């Protein structure tokens, strides 16, 4: 780069550095304004916990509500025809996702597996009143397929020894 081009690049660099500093300052002001709101949210969560709501479950409820609000917002900006088409696709593809083939397609696409009940999670220490490690309990209840179950090839292709004997 020479002459005029170099001056433009230097000017762009200097302006961007100034803008980034302005952005950091604005973000700092925003965070200061949010500090009180965040403290109030924490206080209300503490009150809910004191009233008997498990914190993880209560946070899950809040996330569930927030996600439903996002889902509702997706279709609010659509015209009637697009909203109806979206509902139709969700209805049709949602039913497909409940089949074994649909579940496999959803997993292959990287989406989380749809389950009727929450899968057990590993816990720290002991499971309440059981005297069994959370990791052990999770392994006992875990429904993750074994390597053999996950392999959808016919048995003769999975096991080379069986294939060699069969032919």
N, C-alpha and C. Protein backbone atom coordinates (compact mmCIF):
# COMPACT_ATOMS: atom_id res chain seq x y z
N UNK A 1 0.84 -1.17 0.00
CA UNK A 1 0.00 0.00 0.00
C UNK A 1 0.89 1.24 0.00
N UNK A 2 0.44 2.18 -0.76
CA UNK A 2 1.22 3.41 -0.87
C UNK A 2 0.31 4.62 -0.83
N UNK A 3 0.89 5.73 -0.49
CA UNK A 3 0.24 7.05 -0.61
C UNK A 3 -1.15 7.13 -0.03
N UNK A 4 -2.09 7.44 -0.91
CA UNK A 4 -3.48 7.70 -0.52
C UNK A 4 -4.12 6.48 0.14
N UNK A 5 -3.86 5.27 -0.39
CA UNK A 5 -4.44 4.05 0.18
C UNK A 5 -3.96 3.84 1.61
N UNK A 6 -2.69 4.08 1.87
CA UNK A 6 -2.15 3.92 3.21
C UNK A 6 -2.79 4.91 4.17
N UNK A 7 -3.03 6.14 3.72
CA UNK A 7 -3.66 7.15 4.56
C UNK A 7 -5.09 6.75 4.92
N UNK A 8 -5.82 6.17 3.96
CA UNK A 8 -7.20 5.73 4.20
C UNK A 8 -7.21 4.60 5.22
N UNK A 9 -6.30 3.66 5.08
CA UNK A 9 -6.23 2.53 6.01
C UNK A 9 -5.87 3.03 7.42
N UNK A 10 -4.92 3.97 7.52
CA UNK A 10 -4.55 4.52 8.83
C UNK A 10 -5.73 5.27 9.45
N UNK A 11 -6.44 6.03 8.63
CA UNK A 11 -7.61 6.76 9.12
C UNK A 11 -8.69 5.78 9.59
N UNK A 12 -8.91 4.73 8.84
CA UNK A 12 -9.90 3.72 9.22
C UNK A 12 -9.51 3.09 10.55
N UNK A 13 -8.25 2.75 10.70
CA UNK A 13 -7.76 2.17 11.96
C UNK A 13 -8.02 3.11 13.12
N UNK A 14 -7.65 4.37 12.99
CA UNK A 14 -7.81 5.35 14.07
C UNK A 14 -9.28 5.56 14.43
N UNK A 15 -10.13 5.65 13.42
CA UNK A 15 -11.56 5.86 13.68
C UNK A 15 -12.18 4.64 14.37
N UNK A 16 -11.80 3.45 13.93
CA UNK A 16 -12.34 2.24 14.53
C UNK A 16 -11.90 2.13 15.98
N UNK A 17 -10.66 2.47 16.28
CA UNK A 17 -10.18 2.43 17.67
C UNK A 17 -11.00 3.39 18.53
N UNK A 18 -11.28 4.60 18.02
CA UNK A 18 -12.11 5.55 18.76
C UNK A 18 -13.52 5.01 18.97
N UNK A 19 -14.10 4.43 17.92
CA UNK A 19 -15.45 3.89 18.01
C UNK A 19 -15.52 2.73 19.01
N UNK A 20 -14.50 1.88 19.01
CA UNK A 20 -14.48 0.77 19.97
C UNK A 20 -14.38 1.29 21.40
N UNK A 21 -13.63 2.36 21.62
CA UNK A 21 -13.55 2.97 22.96
C UNK A 21 -14.92 3.53 23.35
N UNK A 22 -15.60 4.19 22.41
CA UNK A 22 -16.95 4.71 22.67
C UNK A 22 -17.91 3.56 23.01
N UNK A 23 -17.78 2.46 22.29
CA UNK A 23 -18.64 1.31 22.51
C UNK A 23 -18.40 0.73 23.91
N UNK A 24 -17.14 0.61 24.32
CA UNK A 24 -16.82 0.11 25.66
C UNK A 24 -17.44 1.03 26.73
N UNK A 25 -17.35 2.34 26.51
CA UNK A 25 -17.91 3.29 27.46
C UNK A 25 -19.43 3.13 27.55
N UNK A 26 -20.09 3.04 26.41
CA UNK A 26 -21.55 2.87 26.40
C UNK A 26 -21.95 1.55 27.07
N UNK A 27 -21.17 0.50 26.82
CA UNK A 27 -21.46 -0.79 27.44
C UNK A 27 -21.33 -0.68 28.96
N UNK A 28 -20.32 0.03 29.42
CA UNK A 28 -20.12 0.24 30.85
C UNK A 28 -21.31 0.96 31.47
N UNK A 29 -21.81 2.01 30.80
CA UNK A 29 -22.98 2.72 31.29
C UNK A 29 -24.21 1.81 31.34
N UNK A 30 -24.37 1.01 30.30
CA UNK A 30 -25.48 0.06 30.23
C UNK A 30 -25.40 -0.93 31.39
N UNK A 31 -24.22 -1.48 31.63
CA UNK A 31 -24.04 -2.45 32.71
C UNK A 31 -24.34 -1.82 34.07
N UNK A 32 -23.98 -0.55 34.25
CA UNK A 32 -24.28 0.14 35.50
C UNK A 32 -25.80 0.27 35.69
N UNK A 33 -26.50 0.58 34.60
CA UNK A 33 -27.96 0.69 34.69
C UNK A 33 -28.59 -0.67 34.98
N UNK A 34 -28.03 -1.74 34.45
CA UNK A 34 -28.58 -3.08 34.65
C UNK A 34 -28.24 -3.67 36.01
N UNK A 35 -27.24 -3.12 36.67
CA UNK A 35 -26.77 -3.67 37.94
C UNK A 35 -27.91 -3.79 38.96
N UNK A 36 -28.73 -2.76 39.09
CA UNK A 36 -29.85 -2.79 40.02
C UNK A 36 -30.89 -3.82 39.64
N UNK A 37 -31.16 -3.93 38.35
CA UNK A 37 -32.14 -4.92 37.87
C UNK A 37 -31.63 -6.32 38.16
N UNK A 38 -30.36 -6.57 37.88
CA UNK A 38 -29.77 -7.88 38.13
C UNK A 38 -29.83 -8.23 39.61
N UNK A 39 -29.58 -7.24 40.48
CA UNK A 39 -29.66 -7.48 41.93
C UNK A 39 -31.09 -7.82 42.34
N UNK A 40 -32.07 -7.14 41.75
CA UNK A 40 -33.47 -7.42 42.06
C UNK A 40 -33.87 -8.82 41.62
N UNK A 41 -33.39 -9.22 40.46
CA UNK A 41 -33.67 -10.58 39.96
C UNK A 41 -33.11 -11.60 40.94
N UNK A 42 -31.88 -11.38 41.39
CA UNK A 42 -31.25 -12.30 42.34
C UNK A 42 -32.06 -12.36 43.64
N UNK A 43 -32.51 -11.20 44.13
CA UNK A 43 -33.31 -11.16 45.35
C UNK A 43 -34.60 -11.97 45.20
N UNK A 44 -35.28 -11.82 44.05
CA UNK A 44 -36.52 -12.56 43.82
C UNK A 44 -36.25 -14.06 43.70
N UNK A 45 -35.14 -14.43 43.08
CA UNK A 45 -34.79 -15.85 43.00
C UNK A 45 -34.52 -16.41 44.39
N UNK A 46 -33.86 -15.63 45.23
CA UNK A 46 -33.61 -16.06 46.62
C UNK A 46 -34.92 -16.23 47.37
N UNK A 47 -35.87 -15.31 47.17
CA UNK A 47 -37.18 -15.41 47.83
C UNK A 47 -37.91 -16.67 47.37
N UNK A 48 -37.84 -16.96 46.07
CA UNK A 48 -38.49 -18.16 45.54
C UNK A 48 -37.86 -19.41 46.14
N UNK A 49 -36.54 -19.40 46.30
CA UNK A 49 -35.85 -20.55 46.90
C UNK A 49 -36.27 -20.72 48.36
N UNK A 50 -36.32 -19.61 49.09
CA UNK A 50 -36.74 -19.66 50.49
C UNK A 50 -38.18 -20.16 50.62
N UNK A 51 -39.00 -19.89 49.61
CA UNK A 51 -40.39 -20.34 49.62
C UNK A 51 -40.54 -21.80 49.23
N UNK A 52 -39.43 -22.45 48.87
CA UNK A 52 -39.47 -23.88 48.57
C UNK A 52 -39.25 -24.26 47.13
N UNK A 53 -39.07 -23.31 46.23
CA UNK A 53 -38.84 -23.63 44.82
C UNK A 53 -37.36 -23.98 44.63
N UNK A 54 -37.08 -25.18 44.13
CA UNK A 54 -35.67 -25.52 43.86
C UNK A 54 -35.10 -24.56 42.83
N UNK A 55 -33.90 -24.06 43.08
CA UNK A 55 -33.30 -23.03 42.22
C UNK A 55 -33.18 -23.49 40.77
N UNK A 56 -32.69 -24.70 40.56
CA UNK A 56 -32.50 -25.19 39.18
C UNK A 56 -33.84 -25.28 38.46
N UNK A 57 -34.85 -25.80 39.15
CA UNK A 57 -36.17 -25.92 38.53
C UNK A 57 -36.76 -24.55 38.24
N UNK A 58 -36.60 -23.61 39.18
CA UNK A 58 -37.13 -22.27 38.99
C UNK A 58 -36.44 -21.56 37.83
N UNK A 59 -35.10 -21.70 37.75
CA UNK A 59 -34.37 -21.13 36.61
C UNK A 59 -34.82 -21.77 35.30
N UNK A 60 -35.09 -23.07 35.34
CA UNK A 60 -35.60 -23.76 34.15
C UNK A 60 -36.93 -23.19 33.72
N UNK A 61 -37.80 -22.91 34.70
CA UNK A 61 -39.10 -22.31 34.39
C UNK A 61 -38.91 -20.95 33.72
N UNK A 62 -38.01 -20.14 34.27
CA UNK A 62 -37.76 -18.81 33.69
C UNK A 62 -37.24 -18.93 32.26
N UNK A 63 -36.34 -19.87 32.02
CA UNK A 63 -35.82 -20.07 30.66
C UNK A 63 -36.91 -20.56 29.73
N UNK A 64 -37.76 -21.47 30.23
CA UNK A 64 -38.87 -21.99 29.44
C UNK A 64 -39.79 -20.85 28.99
N UNK A 65 -40.12 -19.96 29.93
CA UNK A 65 -40.98 -18.83 29.60
C UNK A 65 -40.30 -17.92 28.58
N UNK A 66 -39.00 -17.66 28.78
CA UNK A 66 -38.27 -16.79 27.84
C UNK A 66 -38.24 -17.41 26.44
N UNK A 67 -38.02 -18.72 26.35
CA UNK A 67 -37.99 -19.38 25.04
C UNK A 67 -39.36 -19.36 24.38
N UNK A 68 -40.41 -19.58 25.16
CA UNK A 68 -41.77 -19.49 24.59
C UNK A 68 -42.05 -18.10 24.06
N UNK A 69 -41.59 -17.07 24.78
CA UNK A 69 -41.77 -15.70 24.31
C UNK A 69 -41.02 -15.48 22.99
N UNK A 70 -39.82 -16.06 22.86
CA UNK A 70 -39.07 -15.94 21.60
C UNK A 70 -39.81 -16.66 20.47
N UNK A 71 -40.36 -17.82 20.77
CA UNK A 71 -41.10 -18.57 19.75
C UNK A 71 -42.32 -17.76 19.29
N UNK A 72 -43.03 -17.18 20.25
CA UNK A 72 -44.19 -16.35 19.89
C UNK A 72 -43.77 -15.16 19.04
N UNK A 73 -42.64 -14.57 19.36
CA UNK A 73 -42.16 -13.40 18.62
C UNK A 73 -41.81 -13.75 17.18
N UNK A 74 -41.41 -15.00 16.93
CA UNK A 74 -41.06 -15.41 15.58
C UNK A 74 -42.24 -15.29 14.62
N UNK A 75 -43.41 -15.66 15.08
CA UNK A 75 -44.57 -15.64 14.18
C UNK A 75 -45.35 -14.34 14.23
N UNK A 76 -45.10 -13.48 15.21
CA UNK A 76 -45.85 -12.22 15.30
C UNK A 76 -45.57 -11.30 14.11
N UNK A 77 -44.34 -11.33 13.60
CA UNK A 77 -43.99 -10.44 12.49
C UNK A 77 -44.34 -11.02 11.12
N UNK A 78 -44.83 -12.25 11.10
CA UNK A 78 -45.18 -12.88 9.83
C UNK A 78 -46.59 -12.46 9.40
N UNK A 79 -46.79 -12.44 8.08
CA UNK A 79 -48.16 -12.22 7.62
C UNK A 79 -48.94 -13.52 7.86
N UNK A 80 -50.24 -13.46 7.70
CA UNK A 80 -51.12 -14.59 8.01
C UNK A 80 -50.74 -15.86 7.26
N UNK A 81 -50.45 -15.74 5.97
CA UNK A 81 -50.13 -16.92 5.15
C UNK A 81 -48.83 -17.57 5.63
N UNK A 82 -47.81 -16.77 5.92
CA UNK A 82 -46.55 -17.32 6.39
C UNK A 82 -46.71 -17.96 7.76
N UNK A 83 -47.49 -17.34 8.64
CA UNK A 83 -47.72 -17.91 9.97
C UNK A 83 -48.43 -19.25 9.87
N UNK A 84 -49.43 -19.33 8.98
CA UNK A 84 -50.14 -20.60 8.79
C UNK A 84 -49.21 -21.66 8.21
N UNK A 85 -48.36 -21.27 7.25
CA UNK A 85 -47.41 -22.22 6.68
C UNK A 85 -46.42 -22.70 7.73
N UNK A 86 -45.98 -21.79 8.57
CA UNK A 86 -45.06 -22.15 9.65
C UNK A 86 -45.72 -23.14 10.61
N UNK A 87 -46.96 -22.85 11.02
CA UNK A 87 -47.69 -23.76 11.90
C UNK A 87 -47.87 -25.13 11.26
N UNK A 88 -48.18 -25.14 9.96
CA UNK A 88 -48.36 -26.40 9.23
C UNK A 88 -47.06 -27.21 9.25
N UNK A 89 -45.93 -26.54 8.97
CA UNK A 89 -44.64 -27.25 8.95
C UNK A 89 -44.28 -27.78 10.33
N UNK A 90 -44.52 -26.98 11.35
CA UNK A 90 -44.22 -27.43 12.71
C UNK A 90 -45.07 -28.64 13.06
N UNK A 91 -46.34 -28.59 12.69
CA UNK A 91 -47.24 -29.71 12.96
C UNK A 91 -46.79 -30.97 12.24
N UNK A 92 -46.48 -30.84 10.94
CA UNK A 92 -46.10 -32.01 10.14
C UNK A 92 -44.72 -32.54 10.52
N UNK A 93 -43.76 -31.65 10.62
CA UNK A 93 -42.40 -32.09 10.94
C UNK A 93 -42.28 -32.48 12.40
N UNK A 94 -43.06 -31.86 13.24
CA UNK A 94 -43.06 -32.24 14.65
C UNK A 94 -43.52 -33.68 14.83
N UNK A 95 -44.55 -34.09 14.08
CA UNK A 95 -45.02 -35.46 14.14
C UNK A 95 -43.95 -36.41 13.61
N UNK A 96 -43.23 -36.01 12.59
CA UNK A 96 -42.16 -36.83 12.04
C UNK A 96 -41.04 -37.01 13.05
N UNK A 97 -40.74 -35.97 13.81
CA UNK A 97 -39.65 -36.04 14.78
C UNK A 97 -39.96 -37.02 15.90
N UNK A 98 -41.22 -37.37 16.09
CA UNK A 98 -41.59 -38.31 17.15
C UNK A 98 -41.40 -39.77 16.73
N UNK A 99 -41.17 -40.02 15.44
CA UNK A 99 -40.93 -41.38 15.00
C UNK A 99 -39.45 -41.73 15.19
N UNK A 100 -39.13 -43.03 15.15
CA UNK A 100 -37.73 -43.44 15.31
C UNK A 100 -36.87 -42.85 14.20
N UNK A 101 -37.38 -42.90 12.97
CA UNK A 101 -36.63 -42.34 11.85
C UNK A 101 -36.46 -40.83 12.01
N UNK A 102 -37.52 -40.17 12.44
CA UNK A 102 -37.44 -38.73 12.67
C UNK A 102 -36.47 -38.37 13.77
N UNK A 103 -36.47 -39.16 14.87
CA UNK A 103 -35.51 -38.92 15.95
C UNK A 103 -34.09 -39.07 15.44
N UNK A 104 -33.86 -40.09 14.61
CA UNK A 104 -32.52 -40.29 14.06
C UNK A 104 -32.11 -39.11 13.18
N UNK A 105 -33.05 -38.60 12.40
CA UNK A 105 -32.76 -37.45 11.54
C UNK A 105 -32.46 -36.21 12.37
N UNK A 106 -33.23 -36.03 13.42
CA UNK A 106 -33.02 -34.88 14.30
C UNK A 106 -31.66 -34.98 14.97
N UNK A 107 -31.31 -36.19 15.46
CA UNK A 107 -29.99 -36.38 16.09
C UNK A 107 -28.88 -36.14 15.08
N UNK A 108 -29.06 -36.65 13.86
CA UNK A 108 -28.03 -36.48 12.83
C UNK A 108 -27.84 -35.00 12.49
N UNK A 109 -28.91 -34.22 12.60
CA UNK A 109 -28.82 -32.80 12.31
C UNK A 109 -28.21 -32.02 13.47
N UNK A 110 -27.97 -32.72 14.58
CA UNK A 110 -27.32 -32.08 15.71
C UNK A 110 -28.27 -31.51 16.74
N UNK A 111 -29.56 -31.72 16.57
CA UNK A 111 -30.52 -31.21 17.56
C UNK A 111 -30.57 -32.16 18.75
N UNK A 112 -30.91 -31.66 19.91
CA UNK A 112 -31.00 -32.54 21.07
C UNK A 112 -32.13 -33.53 20.90
N UNK A 113 -31.99 -34.69 21.52
CA UNK A 113 -32.98 -35.74 21.41
C UNK A 113 -34.24 -35.37 22.16
N UNK A 114 -35.37 -35.59 21.54
CA UNK A 114 -36.65 -35.28 22.17
C UNK A 114 -37.01 -36.45 23.07
N UNK A 115 -37.24 -36.17 24.33
CA UNK A 115 -37.59 -37.24 25.27
C UNK A 115 -38.84 -36.86 26.03
N UNK A 116 -39.52 -37.86 26.54
CA UNK A 116 -40.73 -37.63 27.33
C UNK A 116 -40.37 -37.14 28.73
N UNK A 117 -39.28 -37.66 29.30
CA UNK A 117 -38.86 -37.26 30.64
C UNK A 117 -37.39 -36.86 30.58
N UNK A 118 -37.01 -36.02 31.50
CA UNK A 118 -35.62 -35.56 31.53
C UNK A 118 -34.70 -36.73 31.84
N UNK A 119 -33.57 -36.76 31.16
CA UNK A 119 -32.58 -37.79 31.43
C UNK A 119 -31.89 -37.47 32.75
N UNK A 120 -31.52 -38.49 33.51
CA UNK A 120 -30.83 -38.22 34.77
C UNK A 120 -29.48 -37.59 34.50
N UNK A 121 -29.09 -36.69 35.36
CA UNK A 121 -27.80 -36.03 35.22
C UNK A 121 -26.86 -36.53 36.28
N UNK A 122 -25.58 -36.41 35.99
CA UNK A 122 -24.59 -36.74 36.99
C UNK A 122 -24.70 -35.72 38.11
N UNK A 123 -24.60 -36.20 39.32
CA UNK A 123 -24.66 -35.30 40.46
C UNK A 123 -23.38 -35.38 41.24
N UNK A 124 -23.10 -34.34 41.96
CA UNK A 124 -21.92 -34.33 42.82
C UNK A 124 -22.28 -35.09 44.09
N UNK A 125 -21.35 -35.90 44.55
CA UNK A 125 -21.57 -36.59 45.82
C UNK A 125 -22.60 -37.67 45.71
N UNK A 126 -23.48 -37.73 46.68
CA UNK A 126 -24.48 -38.80 46.77
C UNK A 126 -25.84 -38.33 46.27
N UNK A 127 -26.61 -39.26 45.76
CA UNK A 127 -27.99 -38.98 45.39
C UNK A 127 -28.78 -38.96 46.69
N UNK A 128 -29.70 -38.06 46.82
CA UNK A 128 -30.42 -37.85 48.07
C UNK A 128 -30.92 -39.15 48.67
N UNK A 129 -30.39 -39.49 49.84
CA UNK A 129 -30.87 -40.62 50.63
C UNK A 129 -30.55 -41.99 50.07
N UNK A 130 -29.88 -42.11 48.97
CA UNK A 130 -29.65 -43.40 48.36
C UNK A 130 -28.30 -44.01 48.71
N UNK A 131 -27.32 -43.18 49.02
CA UNK A 131 -25.99 -43.71 49.29
C UNK A 131 -25.32 -44.24 48.04
N UNK A 132 -25.82 -43.86 46.87
CA UNK A 132 -25.24 -44.30 45.61
C UNK A 132 -24.69 -43.07 44.91
N UNK A 133 -23.48 -43.18 44.39
CA UNK A 133 -22.88 -42.06 43.68
C UNK A 133 -23.75 -41.68 42.49
N UNK A 134 -23.87 -40.38 42.23
CA UNK A 134 -24.66 -39.91 41.10
C UNK A 134 -24.16 -40.46 39.78
N UNK A 135 -22.84 -40.61 39.62
CA UNK A 135 -22.28 -41.16 38.40
C UNK A 135 -22.73 -42.60 38.21
N UNK A 136 -22.73 -43.38 39.29
CA UNK A 136 -23.13 -44.79 39.21
C UNK A 136 -24.61 -44.87 38.85
N UNK A 137 -25.42 -44.06 39.52
CA UNK A 137 -26.85 -44.07 39.24
C UNK A 137 -27.12 -43.67 37.80
N UNK A 138 -26.42 -42.66 37.32
CA UNK A 138 -26.61 -42.21 35.94
C UNK A 138 -26.27 -43.32 34.96
N UNK A 139 -25.21 -44.09 35.26
CA UNK A 139 -24.84 -45.21 34.37
C UNK A 139 -25.90 -46.30 34.39
N UNK A 140 -26.49 -46.54 35.57
CA UNK A 140 -27.53 -47.56 35.66
C UNK A 140 -28.78 -47.19 34.89
N UNK A 141 -29.11 -45.90 34.88
CA UNK A 141 -30.34 -45.44 34.26
C UNK A 141 -30.11 -45.01 32.81
N UNK A 142 -28.88 -44.72 32.45
CA UNK A 142 -28.56 -44.16 31.13
C UNK A 142 -29.10 -45.05 30.01
N UNK A 143 -29.80 -44.44 29.06
CA UNK A 143 -30.34 -45.19 27.93
C UNK A 143 -29.57 -44.92 26.64
N UNK A 144 -28.33 -44.45 26.77
CA UNK A 144 -27.50 -44.23 25.60
C UNK A 144 -27.22 -45.58 24.95
N UNK A 145 -27.41 -45.68 23.64
CA UNK A 145 -27.17 -46.98 23.00
C UNK A 145 -25.71 -47.39 23.06
N UNK A 146 -25.49 -48.70 23.16
CA UNK A 146 -24.13 -49.22 23.13
C UNK A 146 -23.60 -49.05 21.71
N UNK A 147 -22.30 -49.28 21.55
CA UNK A 147 -21.70 -49.15 20.22
C UNK A 147 -22.39 -50.09 19.24
N UNK A 148 -22.72 -51.31 19.70
CA UNK A 148 -23.38 -52.28 18.83
C UNK A 148 -24.79 -51.81 18.46
N UNK A 149 -25.52 -51.24 19.42
CA UNK A 149 -26.87 -50.75 19.15
C UNK A 149 -26.84 -49.53 18.23
N UNK A 150 -25.80 -48.70 18.37
CA UNK A 150 -25.70 -47.49 17.56
C UNK A 150 -25.31 -47.80 16.12
N UNK A 151 -24.65 -48.92 15.90
CA UNK A 151 -24.22 -49.31 14.56
C UNK A 151 -25.41 -49.93 13.83
N UNK A 152 -25.90 -49.27 12.80
CA UNK A 152 -27.11 -49.72 12.11
C UNK A 152 -26.82 -50.68 10.96
N UNK A 153 -25.55 -50.98 10.75
CA UNK A 153 -25.23 -51.92 9.66
C UNK A 153 -25.69 -53.32 10.02
N UNK A 154 -25.94 -54.16 9.02
CA UNK A 154 -26.29 -55.55 9.30
C UNK A 154 -25.14 -56.23 10.05
N UNK A 155 -25.48 -57.23 10.84
CA UNK A 155 -24.49 -57.91 11.68
C UNK A 155 -23.31 -58.43 10.86
N UNK A 156 -23.58 -58.96 9.66
CA UNK A 156 -22.48 -59.54 8.88
C UNK A 156 -21.48 -58.49 8.44
N UNK A 157 -21.89 -57.23 8.36
CA UNK A 157 -20.95 -56.17 8.04
C UNK A 157 -20.23 -55.66 9.29
N UNK A 158 -20.88 -55.76 10.45
CA UNK A 158 -20.27 -55.30 11.70
C UNK A 158 -19.19 -56.26 12.16
N UNK A 159 -19.42 -57.52 12.02
CA UNK A 159 -18.51 -58.51 12.56
C UNK A 159 -17.81 -59.23 11.41
N UNK A 160 -16.57 -58.85 11.18
CA UNK A 160 -15.83 -59.42 10.04
C UNK A 160 -15.59 -60.92 10.22
N UNK A 161 -15.41 -61.37 11.47
CA UNK A 161 -15.19 -62.80 11.71
C UNK A 161 -16.42 -63.60 11.31
N UNK A 162 -17.61 -63.10 11.65
CA UNK A 162 -18.84 -63.80 11.29
C UNK A 162 -19.00 -63.79 9.77
N UNK A 163 -18.65 -62.67 9.14
CA UNK A 163 -18.77 -62.57 7.70
C UNK A 163 -17.81 -63.55 7.01
N UNK A 164 -16.60 -63.70 7.55
CA UNK A 164 -15.62 -64.60 6.96
C UNK A 164 -16.08 -66.05 7.09
N UNK A 165 -16.67 -66.41 8.22
CA UNK A 165 -17.16 -67.77 8.44
C UNK A 165 -18.37 -68.05 7.57
N UNK A 166 -19.24 -67.07 7.38
CA UNK A 166 -20.47 -67.25 6.62
C UNK A 166 -20.20 -67.48 5.13
N UNK A 167 -19.08 -66.96 4.63
CA UNK A 167 -18.82 -67.10 3.19
C UNK A 167 -17.83 -68.13 2.94
